């Protein structure tokens, strides 16, 4: 009997693939209602512990002027958080998918195009300090792998790119839909 070089996946490999898919689904589901369970996590994007936090503005052809970090990555706000008083509700697995924008204990972020009166911090459950804009805690979205991407816009109907005043970014007239199709969180 001759073979074609293709073999059926072994039971162990199928099980590992299925377990990986379930783990990914659980991670994403953690950002639904309530923000995740158990322990608090404050995963930060590369370099944010060692360099000063920067907030700046960038123009997006669909959403208008958005707030980004110093590397140009879009920053988001979460509808389940509150701005008065500032409170974060994205912890645990949620904070892995949506890393909070943290500042070092040494002080305020550098600002470019943003009113300093609107910028502050909120203390997260783990004791770290998350940057807020008009009271709203700010986050990155892990699937945004390049500066300027807005893959988190409208995810789950609760995540929104942030404007320089802390408002939800919405499509400009005639620019098309902003909600990503399918998936969600």
N, C-alpha and C. Protein backbone atom coordinates (compact mmCIF):
# COMPACT_ATOMS: atom_id res chain seq x y z
N UNK A 1 0.84 -1.17 0.00
CA UNK A 1 0.00 0.00 0.00
C UNK A 1 0.89 1.23 0.00
N UNK A 2 0.58 2.21 -0.82
CA UNK A 2 1.35 3.44 -0.86
C UNK A 2 0.58 4.54 -0.15
N UNK A 3 1.34 5.49 0.37
CA UNK A 3 0.71 6.61 1.06
C UNK A 3 0.94 7.89 0.26
N UNK A 4 0.11 8.85 0.49
CA UNK A 4 0.22 10.11 -0.24
C UNK A 4 1.02 11.15 0.52
N UNK A 5 1.56 10.80 1.65
CA UNK A 5 2.31 11.76 2.44
C UNK A 5 1.45 12.51 3.44
N UNK A 6 0.16 12.39 3.34
CA UNK A 6 -0.73 13.04 4.30
C UNK A 6 -1.23 11.99 5.27
N UNK A 7 -1.17 12.31 6.51
CA UNK A 7 -1.67 11.39 7.51
C UNK A 7 -2.74 12.07 8.32
N UNK A 8 -3.63 11.28 8.80
CA UNK A 8 -4.69 11.82 9.65
C UNK A 8 -4.08 12.26 10.97
N UNK A 9 -4.54 13.34 11.55
CA UNK A 9 -4.01 13.78 12.83
C UNK A 9 -4.25 12.74 13.91
N UNK A 10 -3.27 12.59 14.77
CA UNK A 10 -3.42 11.64 15.86
C UNK A 10 -4.43 12.16 16.86
N UNK A 11 -4.96 11.25 17.66
CA UNK A 11 -5.94 11.65 18.67
C UNK A 11 -5.35 12.66 19.64
N UNK A 12 -4.08 12.51 19.98
CA UNK A 12 -3.42 13.43 20.91
C UNK A 12 -3.35 14.83 20.30
N UNK A 13 -3.02 14.92 19.01
CA UNK A 13 -2.91 16.23 18.36
C UNK A 13 -4.28 16.91 18.28
N UNK A 14 -5.31 16.15 17.95
CA UNK A 14 -6.66 16.71 17.88
C UNK A 14 -7.07 17.23 19.26
N UNK A 15 -6.77 16.45 20.30
CA UNK A 15 -7.10 16.87 21.65
C UNK A 15 -6.38 18.15 22.02
N UNK A 16 -5.09 18.25 21.67
CA UNK A 16 -4.31 19.45 21.98
C UNK A 16 -4.87 20.67 21.23
N UNK A 17 -5.24 20.47 19.96
CA UNK A 17 -5.80 21.57 19.18
C UNK A 17 -7.13 22.02 19.78
N UNK A 18 -7.96 21.07 20.17
CA UNK A 18 -9.25 21.41 20.76
C UNK A 18 -9.06 22.14 22.10
N UNK A 19 -8.11 21.68 22.90
CA UNK A 19 -7.84 22.33 24.18
C UNK A 19 -7.35 23.76 23.96
N UNK A 20 -6.52 23.96 22.96
CA UNK A 20 -6.03 25.30 22.66
C UNK A 20 -7.16 26.22 22.23
N UNK A 21 -8.06 25.70 21.41
CA UNK A 21 -9.20 26.51 20.96
C UNK A 21 -10.11 26.87 22.13
N UNK A 22 -10.33 25.91 23.04
CA UNK A 22 -11.16 26.19 24.21
C UNK A 22 -10.51 27.23 25.12
N UNK A 23 -9.19 27.14 25.29
CA UNK A 23 -8.50 28.12 26.12
C UNK A 23 -8.61 29.51 25.53
N UNK A 24 -8.46 29.61 24.21
CA UNK A 24 -8.58 30.92 23.55
C UNK A 24 -10.00 31.47 23.71
N UNK A 25 -10.99 30.61 23.56
CA UNK A 25 -12.38 31.05 23.72
C UNK A 25 -12.64 31.53 25.14
N UNK A 26 -12.09 30.82 26.12
CA UNK A 26 -12.28 31.23 27.52
C UNK A 26 -11.62 32.58 27.78
N UNK A 27 -10.45 32.81 27.20
CA UNK A 27 -9.76 34.09 27.37
C UNK A 27 -10.59 35.22 26.80
N UNK A 28 -11.11 35.03 25.62
CA UNK A 28 -11.90 36.07 24.97
C UNK A 28 -13.21 36.29 25.72
N UNK A 29 -13.84 35.21 26.18
CA UNK A 29 -15.11 35.33 26.90
C UNK A 29 -14.94 36.09 28.21
N UNK A 30 -13.76 36.10 28.76
CA UNK A 30 -13.51 36.79 30.02
C UNK A 30 -13.78 38.28 29.93
N UNK A 31 -13.91 38.82 28.75
CA UNK A 31 -14.14 40.26 28.61
C UNK A 31 -15.59 40.59 28.36
N UNK A 32 -16.45 39.63 28.57
CA UNK A 32 -17.88 39.87 28.39
C UNK A 32 -18.43 40.60 29.59
N UNK A 33 -19.35 40.01 30.26
CA UNK A 33 -19.98 40.68 31.39
C UNK A 33 -19.12 40.53 32.63
N UNK A 34 -18.86 41.61 33.29
CA UNK A 34 -18.17 41.58 34.56
C UNK A 34 -16.67 41.67 34.48
N UNK A 35 -16.04 41.38 33.35
CA UNK A 35 -14.63 41.64 33.19
C UNK A 35 -13.69 40.53 33.56
N UNK A 36 -14.11 39.39 33.99
CA UNK A 36 -13.15 38.33 34.27
C UNK A 36 -13.16 37.98 35.72
N UNK A 37 -12.73 36.80 35.98
CA UNK A 37 -12.83 36.35 37.34
C UNK A 37 -11.50 36.24 38.03
N UNK A 38 -11.61 36.03 39.30
CA UNK A 38 -10.45 35.71 40.09
C UNK A 38 -9.46 36.84 40.21
N UNK A 39 -8.23 36.51 39.91
CA UNK A 39 -7.15 37.45 40.18
C UNK A 39 -7.12 38.60 39.19
N UNK A 40 -6.56 39.67 39.66
CA UNK A 40 -6.40 40.85 38.82
C UNK A 40 -5.10 40.72 38.04
N UNK A 41 -5.10 41.18 36.82
CA UNK A 41 -3.90 41.15 36.01
C UNK A 41 -3.71 42.50 35.37
N UNK A 42 -2.47 42.90 35.23
CA UNK A 42 -2.22 44.18 34.57
C UNK A 42 -1.12 44.01 33.55
N UNK A 43 -1.34 43.13 32.60
CA UNK A 43 -0.39 42.92 31.54
C UNK A 43 -0.18 44.23 30.80
N UNK A 44 1.07 44.57 30.56
CA UNK A 44 1.37 45.83 29.89
C UNK A 44 2.03 45.54 28.56
N UNK A 45 1.83 46.42 27.58
CA UNK A 45 2.49 46.23 26.31
C UNK A 45 3.97 46.50 26.47
N UNK A 46 4.75 45.99 25.53
CA UNK A 46 6.20 46.00 25.68
C UNK A 46 6.76 47.38 25.93
N UNK A 47 7.63 47.45 26.90
CA UNK A 47 8.36 48.67 27.18
C UNK A 47 7.66 49.66 28.08
N UNK A 48 6.38 49.47 28.39
CA UNK A 48 5.69 50.51 29.14
C UNK A 48 6.16 50.61 30.59
N UNK A 49 6.80 49.58 31.12
CA UNK A 49 7.32 49.68 32.47
C UNK A 49 8.57 50.54 32.51
N UNK A 50 9.36 50.53 31.47
CA UNK A 50 10.63 51.21 31.51
C UNK A 50 10.61 52.58 30.86
N UNK A 51 9.62 52.90 30.08
CA UNK A 51 9.57 54.22 29.48
C UNK A 51 8.34 54.97 29.95
N UNK A 52 8.45 56.28 29.93
CA UNK A 52 7.34 57.11 30.38
C UNK A 52 6.14 56.91 29.46
N UNK A 53 4.96 56.93 30.06
CA UNK A 53 3.73 56.80 29.30
C UNK A 53 3.49 58.09 28.52
N UNK A 54 3.04 57.94 27.27
CA UNK A 54 2.71 59.09 26.44
C UNK A 54 1.33 58.88 25.87
N UNK A 55 0.51 59.93 25.91
CA UNK A 55 -0.77 59.94 25.23
C UNK A 55 -0.67 60.99 24.13
N UNK A 56 -1.10 60.63 22.93
CA UNK A 56 -1.08 61.58 21.83
C UNK A 56 -2.28 61.33 20.93
N UNK A 57 -2.48 62.18 19.95
CA UNK A 57 -3.61 62.04 19.04
C UNK A 57 -3.11 61.65 17.66
N UNK A 58 -3.95 60.90 16.97
CA UNK A 58 -3.71 60.49 15.59
C UNK A 58 -5.03 60.60 14.85
N UNK A 59 -4.96 60.94 13.57
CA UNK A 59 -6.18 61.01 12.78
C UNK A 59 -6.43 59.65 12.13
N UNK A 60 -7.69 59.19 12.21
CA UNK A 60 -8.13 57.96 11.58
C UNK A 60 -9.18 58.35 10.54
N UNK A 61 -9.05 57.85 9.32
CA UNK A 61 -9.95 58.23 8.24
C UNK A 61 -11.41 57.88 8.47
N UNK A 62 -11.69 56.89 9.30
CA UNK A 62 -13.06 56.49 9.57
C UNK A 62 -13.61 57.09 10.85
N UNK A 63 -12.77 57.14 11.89
CA UNK A 63 -13.24 57.52 13.22
C UNK A 63 -12.86 58.93 13.66
N UNK A 64 -12.05 59.62 12.89
CA UNK A 64 -11.63 60.97 13.26
C UNK A 64 -10.38 60.95 14.11
N UNK A 65 -10.28 61.88 15.04
CA UNK A 65 -9.09 61.99 15.89
C UNK A 65 -9.23 61.06 17.09
N UNK A 66 -8.22 60.20 17.25
CA UNK A 66 -8.20 59.20 18.31
C UNK A 66 -7.02 59.41 19.23
N UNK A 67 -7.11 58.84 20.42
CA UNK A 67 -6.00 58.85 21.37
C UNK A 67 -5.20 57.57 21.17
N UNK A 68 -3.87 57.73 21.15
CA UNK A 68 -2.98 56.57 21.04
C UNK A 68 -1.93 56.66 22.14
N UNK A 69 -1.22 55.56 22.30
CA UNK A 69 -0.08 55.59 23.21
C UNK A 69 1.11 56.18 22.45
N UNK A 70 2.24 56.25 23.07
CA UNK A 70 3.43 56.83 22.47
C UNK A 70 3.95 56.08 21.26
N UNK A 71 3.52 54.84 21.09
CA UNK A 71 3.95 54.03 19.94
C UNK A 71 2.92 54.09 18.80
N UNK A 72 1.82 54.83 19.01
CA UNK A 72 0.80 54.97 17.97
C UNK A 72 -0.29 53.93 18.03
N UNK A 73 -0.35 53.12 19.09
CA UNK A 73 -1.40 52.11 19.23
C UNK A 73 -2.66 52.76 19.80
N UNK A 74 -3.80 52.45 19.21
CA UNK A 74 -5.09 53.00 19.62
C UNK A 74 -5.39 52.62 21.07
N UNK A 75 -5.94 53.58 21.81
CA UNK A 75 -6.38 53.33 23.18
C UNK A 75 -7.91 53.32 23.21
N UNK A 76 -8.45 52.43 24.04
CA UNK A 76 -9.89 52.17 24.09
C UNK A 76 -10.44 52.43 25.48
N UNK A 77 -11.76 52.62 25.54
CA UNK A 77 -12.49 52.69 26.80
C UNK A 77 -13.53 51.58 26.81
N UNK A 78 -13.95 51.19 28.00
CA UNK A 78 -14.83 50.04 28.21
C UNK A 78 -16.11 50.52 28.88
N UNK A 79 -17.26 50.23 28.28
CA UNK A 79 -18.54 50.70 28.81
C UNK A 79 -18.85 50.17 30.21
N UNK A 80 -18.26 49.05 30.62
CA UNK A 80 -18.54 48.52 31.95
C UNK A 80 -17.71 49.20 33.03
N UNK A 81 -16.72 50.02 32.63
CA UNK A 81 -16.00 50.85 33.59
C UNK A 81 -16.88 52.06 33.91
N UNK A 82 -16.46 52.86 34.87
CA UNK A 82 -17.16 54.11 35.15
C UNK A 82 -16.14 55.25 35.15
N UNK A 83 -16.65 56.45 34.87
CA UNK A 83 -15.77 57.60 34.86
C UNK A 83 -16.00 58.56 36.02
N UNK A 84 -17.08 58.38 36.77
CA UNK A 84 -17.36 59.29 37.87
C UNK A 84 -18.06 58.55 38.99
N UNK A 85 -17.34 57.91 39.89
CA UNK A 85 -15.88 57.95 40.01
C UNK A 85 -15.22 56.97 39.04
N UNK A 86 -13.95 57.22 38.75
CA UNK A 86 -13.19 56.33 37.87
C UNK A 86 -13.07 54.97 38.52
N UNK A 87 -13.41 53.93 37.75
CA UNK A 87 -13.27 52.56 38.24
C UNK A 87 -13.04 51.64 37.05
N UNK A 88 -12.16 50.69 37.22
CA UNK A 88 -11.87 49.72 36.18
C UNK A 88 -12.52 48.39 36.52
N UNK A 89 -13.13 47.76 35.53
CA UNK A 89 -13.78 46.47 35.73
C UNK A 89 -13.23 45.40 34.80
N UNK A 90 -12.14 45.71 34.11
CA UNK A 90 -11.48 44.74 33.23
C UNK A 90 -10.24 44.23 33.94
N UNK A 91 -10.37 43.05 34.55
CA UNK A 91 -9.27 42.44 35.29
C UNK A 91 -9.14 40.99 34.84
N UNK A 92 -8.19 40.28 35.39
CA UNK A 92 -8.01 38.87 35.08
C UNK A 92 -7.79 38.64 33.60
N UNK A 93 -8.53 37.69 33.03
CA UNK A 93 -8.38 37.34 31.61
C UNK A 93 -8.71 38.52 30.70
N UNK A 94 -9.64 39.35 31.12
CA UNK A 94 -9.99 40.53 30.33
C UNK A 94 -8.77 41.43 30.13
N UNK A 95 -8.00 41.65 31.19
CA UNK A 95 -6.83 42.53 31.11
C UNK A 95 -5.69 41.91 30.31
N UNK A 96 -5.77 40.62 30.04
CA UNK A 96 -4.79 39.99 29.16
C UNK A 96 -5.09 40.36 27.71
N UNK A 97 -6.36 40.33 27.34
CA UNK A 97 -6.78 40.70 25.98
C UNK A 97 -6.78 42.21 25.81
N UNK A 98 -7.13 42.93 26.85
CA UNK A 98 -7.23 44.40 26.84
C UNK A 98 -6.27 44.95 27.90
N UNK A 99 -4.96 44.99 27.63
CA UNK A 99 -4.01 45.47 28.64
C UNK A 99 -4.28 46.92 29.03
N UNK A 100 -4.33 47.20 30.33
CA UNK A 100 -4.55 48.57 30.77
C UNK A 100 -3.34 49.44 30.42
N UNK A 101 -3.61 50.70 30.12
CA UNK A 101 -2.53 51.67 29.89
C UNK A 101 -2.09 52.15 31.26
N UNK A 102 -0.92 51.72 31.67
CA UNK A 102 -0.43 52.01 33.01
C UNK A 102 0.60 53.13 32.98
N UNK A 103 0.73 53.80 34.10
CA UNK A 103 1.79 54.78 34.26
C UNK A 103 2.62 54.35 35.46
N UNK A 104 3.86 54.71 35.44
CA UNK A 104 4.71 54.38 36.57
C UNK A 104 4.28 55.23 37.75
N UNK A 105 4.67 54.82 38.92
CA UNK A 105 4.30 55.56 40.12
C UNK A 105 4.86 56.97 40.16
N UNK A 106 5.76 57.29 39.22
CA UNK A 106 6.43 58.59 39.26
C UNK A 106 5.59 59.73 38.71
N UNK A 107 4.45 59.44 38.10
CA UNK A 107 3.65 60.59 37.72
C UNK A 107 2.88 60.51 36.43
N UNK A 108 2.53 61.70 35.97
CA UNK A 108 1.62 61.86 34.84
C UNK A 108 2.29 61.51 33.51
N UNK A 109 1.49 61.06 32.56
CA UNK A 109 2.03 60.77 31.23
C UNK A 109 2.36 62.05 30.47
N UNK A 110 3.25 61.93 29.50
CA UNK A 110 3.51 63.03 28.58
C UNK A 110 2.30 63.14 27.66
N UNK A 111 1.92 64.36 27.29
CA UNK A 111 0.72 64.57 26.47
C UNK A 111 1.06 65.33 25.21
N UNK A 112 0.44 64.91 24.11
CA UNK A 112 0.58 65.60 22.83
C UNK A 112 -0.81 65.71 22.22
N UNK A 113 -1.40 66.92 22.28
CA UNK A 113 -2.73 67.14 21.71
C UNK A 113 -3.88 66.79 22.63
N UNK A 114 -3.60 66.60 23.92
CA UNK A 114 -4.63 66.22 24.89
C UNK A 114 -4.57 67.18 26.07
N UNK A 115 -5.72 67.66 26.53
CA UNK A 115 -5.81 68.59 27.64
C UNK A 115 -5.41 67.89 28.94
N UNK A 116 -4.39 68.40 29.59
CA UNK A 116 -3.88 67.80 30.83
C UNK A 116 -4.94 67.73 31.92
N UNK A 117 -5.92 68.64 31.90
CA UNK A 117 -6.96 68.64 32.92
C UNK A 117 -7.84 67.39 32.84
N UNK A 118 -7.85 66.72 31.68
CA UNK A 118 -8.68 65.54 31.49
C UNK A 118 -7.97 64.23 31.85
N UNK A 119 -6.66 64.30 32.11
CA UNK A 119 -5.86 63.09 32.32
C UNK A 119 -5.58 62.89 33.81
N UNK A 120 -5.78 61.66 34.25
CA UNK A 120 -5.52 61.30 35.64
C UNK A 120 -5.18 59.80 35.68
N UNK A 121 -5.28 59.20 36.85
CA UNK A 121 -5.08 57.76 36.99
C UNK A 121 -6.13 57.21 37.96
N UNK A 122 -6.31 55.91 37.87
CA UNK A 122 -7.13 55.19 38.83
C UNK A 122 -6.28 54.01 39.31
N UNK A 123 -6.39 53.70 40.59
CA UNK A 123 -5.66 52.57 41.14
C UNK A 123 -6.43 51.29 40.86
N UNK A 124 -5.75 50.35 40.19
CA UNK A 124 -6.36 49.07 39.86
C UNK A 124 -6.35 48.16 41.09
N UNK A 125 -7.14 47.09 41.07
CA UNK A 125 -7.18 46.17 42.22
C UNK A 125 -5.81 45.60 42.60
N UNK A 126 -4.88 45.53 41.63
CA UNK A 126 -3.54 44.99 41.93
C UNK A 126 -2.58 46.08 42.40
N UNK A 127 -3.06 47.33 42.55
CA UNK A 127 -2.23 48.41 43.05
C UNK A 127 -1.52 49.23 41.98
N UNK A 128 -1.59 48.82 40.72
CA UNK A 128 -0.97 49.60 39.65
C UNK A 128 -1.85 50.81 39.33
N UNK A 129 -1.29 51.77 38.60
CA UNK A 129 -1.99 53.01 38.28
C UNK A 129 -2.30 53.05 36.79
N UNK A 130 -3.60 53.03 36.48
CA UNK A 130 -4.06 53.04 35.10
C UNK A 130 -4.40 54.47 34.69
N UNK A 131 -3.97 54.85 33.50
CA UNK A 131 -4.24 56.19 32.98
C UNK A 131 -5.72 56.30 32.64
N UNK A 132 -6.30 57.45 32.99
CA UNK A 132 -7.70 57.73 32.64
C UNK A 132 -7.76 59.01 31.81
N UNK A 133 -8.78 59.09 30.98
CA UNK A 133 -9.05 60.28 30.18
C UNK A 133 -10.50 60.67 30.43
N UNK A 134 -10.69 61.85 31.00
CA UNK A 134 -12.01 62.31 31.42
C UNK A 134 -12.67 61.26 32.33
N UNK A 135 -11.84 60.63 33.15
CA UNK A 135 -12.30 59.63 34.11
C UNK A 135 -12.34 58.21 33.59
N UNK A 136 -12.31 58.01 32.27
CA UNK A 136 -12.42 56.65 31.70
C UNK A 136 -11.05 55.97 31.66
N UNK A 137 -10.92 54.80 32.28
CA UNK A 137 -9.67 54.04 32.18
C UNK A 137 -9.37 53.68 30.72
N UNK A 138 -8.09 53.72 30.35
CA UNK A 138 -7.68 53.44 28.97
C UNK A 138 -6.99 52.09 28.85
N UNK A 139 -7.21 51.44 27.70
CA UNK A 139 -6.68 50.10 27.42
C UNK A 139 -6.14 50.02 25.99
N UNK A 140 -5.25 49.06 25.78
CA UNK A 140 -4.84 48.65 24.45
C UNK A 140 -5.66 47.41 24.11
N UNK A 141 -5.62 46.99 22.84
CA UNK A 141 -6.29 45.75 22.40
C UNK A 141 -5.22 44.87 21.78
N UNK A 142 -4.99 43.70 22.35
CA UNK A 142 -3.90 42.84 21.92
C UNK A 142 -3.92 42.52 20.41
N UNK A 143 -5.08 42.28 19.77
CA UNK A 143 -5.07 42.03 18.33
C UNK A 143 -4.66 43.24 17.46
N UNK A 144 -4.57 44.43 18.03
CA UNK A 144 -3.99 45.56 17.30
C UNK A 144 -2.48 45.34 17.32
N UNK A 145 -1.94 44.82 16.23
CA UNK A 145 -0.52 44.47 16.20
C UNK A 145 0.34 45.54 15.55
N UNK A 146 -0.30 46.55 14.94
CA UNK A 146 0.44 47.63 14.30
C UNK A 146 -0.15 48.97 14.73
N UNK A 147 0.69 49.99 14.84
CA UNK A 147 0.15 51.32 15.17
C UNK A 147 -0.95 51.72 14.19
N UNK A 148 -1.96 52.39 14.72
CA UNK A 148 -3.05 52.89 13.88
C UNK A 148 -4.20 51.93 13.67
N UNK A 149 -4.04 50.65 14.02
CA UNK A 149 -5.14 49.71 13.85
C UNK A 149 -6.24 49.99 14.88
N UNK A 150 -7.48 49.70 14.51
CA UNK A 150 -8.63 49.92 15.40
C UNK A 150 -9.50 48.66 15.44
N UNK A 151 -8.87 47.50 15.55
CA UNK A 151 -9.60 46.23 15.56
C UNK A 151 -10.53 46.09 16.77
N UNK A 152 -10.29 46.85 17.83
CA UNK A 152 -11.13 46.75 19.02
C UNK A 152 -12.37 47.62 18.98
N UNK A 153 -12.51 48.46 17.97
CA UNK A 153 -13.65 49.37 17.88
C UNK A 153 -14.96 48.60 17.83
N UNK A 154 -15.82 48.80 18.82
CA UNK A 154 -17.15 48.20 18.85
C UNK A 154 -17.20 46.76 19.30
N UNK A 155 -16.08 46.17 19.72
CA UNK A 155 -16.08 44.77 20.12
C UNK A 155 -17.09 44.56 21.26
N UNK A 156 -17.96 43.60 21.08
CA UNK A 156 -18.96 43.26 22.09
C UNK A 156 -19.95 44.38 22.37
N UNK A 157 -19.92 45.43 21.57
CA UNK A 157 -20.78 46.58 21.81
C UNK A 157 -20.41 47.34 23.07
N UNK A 158 -19.18 47.09 23.62
CA UNK A 158 -18.77 47.73 24.87
C UNK A 158 -17.38 48.36 24.82
N UNK A 159 -16.63 48.15 23.76
CA UNK A 159 -15.27 48.67 23.65
C UNK A 159 -15.21 49.69 22.52
N UNK A 160 -14.59 50.86 22.81
CA UNK A 160 -14.59 51.96 21.84
C UNK A 160 -13.25 52.66 21.82
N UNK A 161 -12.78 52.97 20.62
CA UNK A 161 -11.62 53.83 20.51
C UNK A 161 -11.98 55.14 21.20
N UNK A 162 -10.98 55.81 21.76
CA UNK A 162 -11.22 57.00 22.58
C UNK A 162 -10.84 58.28 21.84
N UNK A 163 -11.68 59.29 21.98
CA UNK A 163 -11.38 60.61 21.42
C UNK A 163 -10.56 61.41 22.43
N UNK A 164 -9.97 62.53 22.02
CA UNK A 164 -9.18 63.34 22.94
C UNK A 164 -9.96 63.91 24.13
N UNK A 165 -11.28 63.85 24.10
CA UNK A 165 -12.07 64.31 25.25
C UNK A 165 -12.56 63.14 26.11
N UNK A 166 -12.15 61.92 25.76
CA UNK A 166 -12.55 60.74 26.51
C UNK A 166 -13.85 60.12 26.03
N UNK A 167 -14.43 60.69 24.98
CA UNK A 167 -15.68 60.15 24.44
C UNK A 167 -15.42 58.92 23.58
N UNK A 168 -16.50 58.21 23.25
CA UNK A 168 -16.44 57.08 22.32
C UNK A 168 -16.24 57.61 20.92
N UNK A 169 -15.31 57.04 20.19
CA UNK A 169 -15.13 57.41 18.78
C UNK A 169 -16.24 56.74 17.97
N UNK A 170 -16.84 57.50 17.10
CA UNK A 170 -17.89 56.99 16.22
C UNK A 170 -17.54 57.38 14.79
N UNK A 171 -18.02 56.58 13.81
CA UNK A 171 -17.67 56.88 12.42
C UNK A 171 -18.11 58.29 12.02
N UNK A 172 -17.26 58.90 11.23
CA UNK A 172 -17.61 60.21 10.69
C UNK A 172 -18.64 60.00 9.60
N UNK A 173 -19.44 60.99 9.33
CA UNK A 173 -20.49 60.90 8.30
C UNK A 173 -19.90 60.41 6.99
N UNK A 174 -20.54 59.40 6.39
CA UNK A 174 -20.12 58.88 5.10
C UNK A 174 -18.92 57.96 5.13
N UNK A 175 -18.46 57.55 6.32
CA UNK A 175 -17.26 56.72 6.37
C UNK A 175 -17.55 55.24 6.53
N UNK A 176 -18.82 54.83 6.63
CA UNK A 176 -19.15 53.41 6.71
C UNK A 176 -19.28 52.94 8.15
N UNK A 177 -19.55 51.64 8.32
CA UNK A 177 -19.79 51.09 9.65
C UNK A 177 -18.51 50.98 10.46
N UNK A 178 -18.66 51.04 11.80
CA UNK A 178 -17.48 50.91 12.66
C UNK A 178 -17.46 49.59 13.41
N UNK A 179 -18.58 48.91 13.47
CA UNK A 179 -18.64 47.67 14.24
C UNK A 179 -17.99 46.54 13.46
N UNK A 180 -17.07 45.79 14.08
CA UNK A 180 -16.49 44.66 13.40
C UNK A 180 -17.56 43.58 13.19
N UNK A 181 -17.45 42.88 12.09
CA UNK A 181 -18.44 41.81 11.85
C UNK A 181 -18.06 40.56 12.60
N UNK A 182 -19.06 39.83 13.04
CA UNK A 182 -18.85 38.55 13.68
C UNK A 182 -18.20 38.65 15.04
N UNK A 183 -17.62 37.55 15.47
CA UNK A 183 -16.79 37.39 16.64
C UNK A 183 -17.21 38.06 17.91
N UNK A 184 -16.94 39.31 18.05
CA UNK A 184 -17.19 39.99 19.31
C UNK A 184 -16.05 39.75 20.26
N UNK A 185 -16.36 39.34 21.45
CA UNK A 185 -15.34 39.12 22.47
C UNK A 185 -15.48 37.73 22.94
